[in-house]
Amino acid sequence: MANKSDSGQRDLLVITQAMTIKWLEKKVMDLQKQLHLLESHAMNCSLPNSNSREGLVSMA
């Protein structure tokens, strides 16, 4: 009977670990998307050339 109990606990551990891995993979993908968006935003919001007219516009 103990062998069956050990097997059940092992199965539960494997399932728990698999669920944790899936959650972590999703978290990594979400963070990669967030990073990509932030990088794109940073590229679009770069400061204009100080010699250009846009550089003279007030930020207020």
Protein backbone atom coordinates (compact mmCIF):
# COMPACT_ATOMS: atom_id res chain seq x y z
CA MET A 1 0.00 0.00 0.00
CA ALA A 2 2.87 2.40 0.76
CA ASN A 3 4.20 1.94 -2.78
CA LYS A 4 0.86 3.10 -4.22
CA SER A 5 0.87 6.12 -1.91
CA ASP A 6 4.44 6.99 -2.93
CA SER A 7 3.44 6.70 -6.58
CA GLY A 8 0.49 9.06 -6.03
CA GLN A 9 2.67 11.60 -4.26
CA ARG A 10 5.24 11.37 -7.04
CA ASP A 11 2.51 11.92 -9.66
CA LEU A 12 1.22 14.92 -7.73
CA LEU A 13 4.74 16.36 -7.53
CA VAL A 14 5.28 15.89 -11.28
CA ILE A 15 1.94 17.56 -12.06
CA THR A 16 2.73 20.44 -9.71
CA GLN A 17 6.15 20.93 -11.27
CA ALA A 18 4.69 20.80 -14.79
CA MET A 19 2.12 23.45 -13.86
CA THR A 20 4.85 25.63 -12.33
CA ILE A 21 6.96 25.30 -15.49
CA LYS A 22 3.98 26.28 -17.68
CA TRP A 23 3.29 29.29 -15.44
CA LEU A 24 6.95 30.36 -15.59
CA GLU A 25 7.04 29.96 -19.38
CA LYS A 26 3.97 32.19 -19.68
CA LYS A 27 5.53 34.72 -17.32
CA VAL A 28 8.71 34.80 -19.45
CA MET A 29 6.65 35.34 -22.62
CA ASP A 30 4.66 38.14 -20.94
CA LEU A 31 7.86 39.83 -19.75
CA GLN A 32 9.43 39.50 -23.21
CA LYS A 33 6.37 41.19 -24.74
CA GLN A 34 6.54 43.94 -22.12
CA LEU A 35 10.25 44.44 -22.78
CA HIS A 36 9.65 44.61 -26.52
CA LEU A 37 6.93 47.23 -26.04
CA LEU A 38 9.16 49.29 -23.74
CA GLU A 39 12.04 49.08 -26.21
CA SER A 40 9.75 50.15 -29.06
CA HIS A 41 8.40 53.01 -26.96
CA ALA A 42 11.93 54.11 -26.05
CA MET A 43 12.94 54.13 -29.71
CA ASN A 44 9.86 56.20 -30.64
CA CYS A 45 10.37 58.67 -27.79
CA SER A 46 14.05 59.37 -28.32
CA LEU A 47 15.03 63.00 -27.97
CA PRO A 48 15.09 64.99 -31.20
CA ASN A 49 18.33 66.37 -32.59
CA SER A 50 19.23 69.57 -30.70
CA ASN A 51 19.89 71.34 -34.03
CA SER A 52 16.37 70.68 -35.31
CA ARG A 53 13.33 72.91 -34.79
CA GLU A 54 11.62 70.14 -32.77
CA GLY A 55 14.37 70.52 -30.19
CA LEU A 56 13.22 74.09 -29.54
CA VAL A 57 9.61 73.18 -28.65
CA SER A 58 8.82 73.76 -24.97
CA MET A 59 8.17 70.62 -22.91
CA ALA A 60 5.73 72.55 -20.60
